[in-house]
Amino acid sequence: MSENSKAGRFKVVIDKAACCGYGICAEICPDIYKLDAGGMVYVEEPIVPQGLEEKAREGAEACPQSALAIEPI
């Protein structure tokens, strides 16, 4: 895989211990952020699909506990 194939790609990083289950992330970007039976956030795939970067970032930034981050890969 070449360096350019990963250019502009991002991944979701979750601090599970910080998540308090507010669910704001899932309201903003349900395509990425999911809530388990206990109301805690998870993602089915940590790599953010192209075209959803801005929504993923909005969802992460809206977390009152700062439990989410979007990092370049």
C-alpha atoms as a PDB file:
ATOM      1  CA  MET A   1       0.000   0.000   0.000  1.00  0.00           C
ATOM      2  CA  SER A   2       1.489   3.339  -0.993  1.00  0.00           C
ATOM      3  CA  GLU A   3       1.686   6.355   1.306  1.00  0.00           C
ATOM      4  CA  ASN A   4      -0.751   8.249  -0.932  1.00  0.00           C
ATOM      5  CA  SER A   5      -3.474   5.617  -0.516  1.00  0.00           C
ATOM      6  CA  LYS A   6      -3.816   6.611   3.151  1.00  0.00           C
ATOM      7  CA  ALA A   7      -3.601  10.360   2.554  1.00  0.00           C
ATOM      8  CA  GLY A   8      -6.535  12.198   4.071  1.00  0.00           C
ATOM      9  CA  ARG A   9      -7.781   9.154   5.973  1.00  0.00           C
ATOM     10  CA  PHE A  10      -8.817   9.259   9.615  1.00  0.00           C
ATOM     11  CA  LYS A  11      -9.674   6.872  12.414  1.00  0.00           C
ATOM     12  CA  VAL A  12     -11.915   7.161  15.462  1.00  0.00           C
ATOM     13  CA  VAL A  13     -10.246   6.757  18.842  1.00  0.00           C
ATOM     14  CA  ILE A  14     -12.539   6.102  21.827  1.00  0.00           C
ATOM     15  CA  ASP A  15     -11.641   6.598  25.474  1.00  0.00           C
ATOM     16  CA  LYS A  16     -14.188   4.089  26.825  1.00  0.00           C
ATOM     17  CA  ALA A  17     -13.460   5.036  30.437  1.00  0.00           C
ATOM     18  CA  ALA A  18     -14.446   8.659  29.704  1.00  0.00           C
ATOM     19  CA  CYS A  19     -17.724   7.834  27.917  1.00  0.00           C
ATOM     20  CA  CYS A  20     -20.779   8.620  30.051  1.00  0.00           C
ATOM     21  CA  GLY A  21     -23.372   7.647  27.458  1.00  0.00           C
ATOM     22  CA  TYR A  22     -24.742  11.052  26.512  1.00  0.00           C
ATOM     23  CA  GLY A  23     -25.223   9.811  22.937  1.00  0.00           C
ATOM     24  CA  ILE A  24     -24.683  13.190  21.289  1.00  0.00           C
ATOM     25  CA  CYS A  25     -22.078  11.682  18.970  1.00  0.00           C
ATOM     26  CA  ALA A  26     -24.577   9.090  17.710  1.00  0.00           C
ATOM     27  CA  GLU A  27     -27.233  11.768  17.183  1.00  0.00           C
ATOM     28  CA  ILE A  28     -24.850  13.848  15.083  1.00  0.00           C
ATOM     29  CA  CYS A  29     -23.246  11.007  13.117  1.00  0.00           C
ATOM     30  CA  PRO A  30     -25.174   7.730  13.432  1.00  0.00           C
ATOM     31  CA  ASP A  31     -23.311   6.321  10.410  1.00  0.00           C
ATOM     32  CA  ILE A  32     -20.175   6.099  12.552  1.00  0.00           C
ATOM     33  CA  TYR A  33     -21.056   6.287  16.237  1.00  0.00           C
ATOM     34  CA  LYS A  34     -23.243   3.551  17.693  1.00  0.00           C
ATOM     35  CA  LEU A  35     -24.481   3.011  21.242  1.00  0.00           C
ATOM     36  CA  ASP A  36     -24.398  -0.389  22.903  1.00  0.00           C
ATOM     37  CA  ALA A  37     -27.157  -1.764  25.155  1.00  0.00           C
ATOM     38  CA  GLY A  38     -25.723   0.214  28.066  1.00  0.00           C
ATOM     39  CA  GLY A  39     -25.675   3.450  26.068  1.00  0.00           C
ATOM     40  CA  MET A  40     -21.895   3.526  25.650  1.00  0.00           C
ATOM     41  CA  VAL A  41     -20.339   4.517  22.346  1.00  0.00           C
ATOM     42  CA  TYR A  42     -18.664   2.087  19.950  1.00  0.00           C
ATOM     43  CA  VAL A  43     -17.816   2.021  16.259  1.00  0.00           C
ATOM     44  CA  GLU A  44     -18.214  -0.926  13.926  1.00  0.00           C
ATOM     45  CA  GLU A  45     -15.165   0.225  11.939  1.00  0.00           C
ATOM     46  CA  PRO A  46     -12.597   2.691  13.330  1.00  0.00           C
ATOM     47  CA  ILE A  47     -11.619   3.985   9.859  1.00  0.00           C
ATOM     48  CA  VAL A  48     -13.787   6.975   8.916  1.00  0.00           C
ATOM     49  CA  PRO A  49     -15.341   6.473   5.452  1.00  0.00           C
ATOM     50  CA  GLN A  50     -14.484   9.132   2.916  1.00  0.00           C
ATOM     51  CA  GLY A  51     -17.135  11.804   2.870  1.00  0.00           C
ATOM     52  CA  LEU A  52     -17.993  11.409   6.559  1.00  0.00           C
ATOM     53  CA  GLU A  53     -14.887  13.086   7.980  1.00  0.00           C
ATOM     54  CA  GLU A  54     -16.623  16.343   8.893  1.00  0.00           C
ATOM     55  CA  LYS A  55     -19.612  14.645  10.558  1.00  0.00           C
ATOM     56  CA  ALA A  56     -17.265  12.296  12.435  1.00  0.00           C
ATOM     57  CA  ARG A  57     -15.292  15.299  13.684  1.00  0.00           C
ATOM     58  CA  GLU A  58     -18.488  17.137  14.702  1.00  0.00           C
ATOM     59  CA  GLY A  59     -19.667  14.112  16.673  1.00  0.00           C
ATOM     60  CA  ALA A  60     -16.325  13.763  18.430  1.00  0.00           C
ATOM     61  CA  GLU A  61     -16.106  17.457  19.281  1.00  0.00           C
ATOM     62  CA  ALA A  62     -19.659  17.445  20.690  1.00  0.00           C
ATOM     63  CA  CYS A  63     -18.790  14.857  23.346  1.00  0.00           C
ATOM     64  CA  PRO A  64     -19.074  16.547  26.762  1.00  0.00           C
ATOM     65  CA  GLN A  65     -16.522  14.113  28.207  1.00  0.00           C
ATOM     66  CA  SER A  66     -13.987  14.413  25.347  1.00  0.00           C
ATOM     67  CA  ALA A  67     -14.153  10.628  24.995  1.00  0.00           C
ATOM     68  CA  LEU A  68     -13.742  10.718  21.211  1.00  0.00           C
ATOM     69  CA  ALA A  69     -10.972  11.809  18.893  1.00  0.00           C
ATOM     70  CA  ILE A  70     -10.464  11.751  15.141  1.00  0.00           C
ATOM     71  CA  GLU A  71      -6.830  11.111  14.254  1.00  0.00           C
ATOM     72  CA  PRO A  72      -5.057  10.957  10.890  1.00  0.00           C
ATOM     73  CA  ILE A  73      -3.682   7.596   9.810  1.00  0.00           C
END
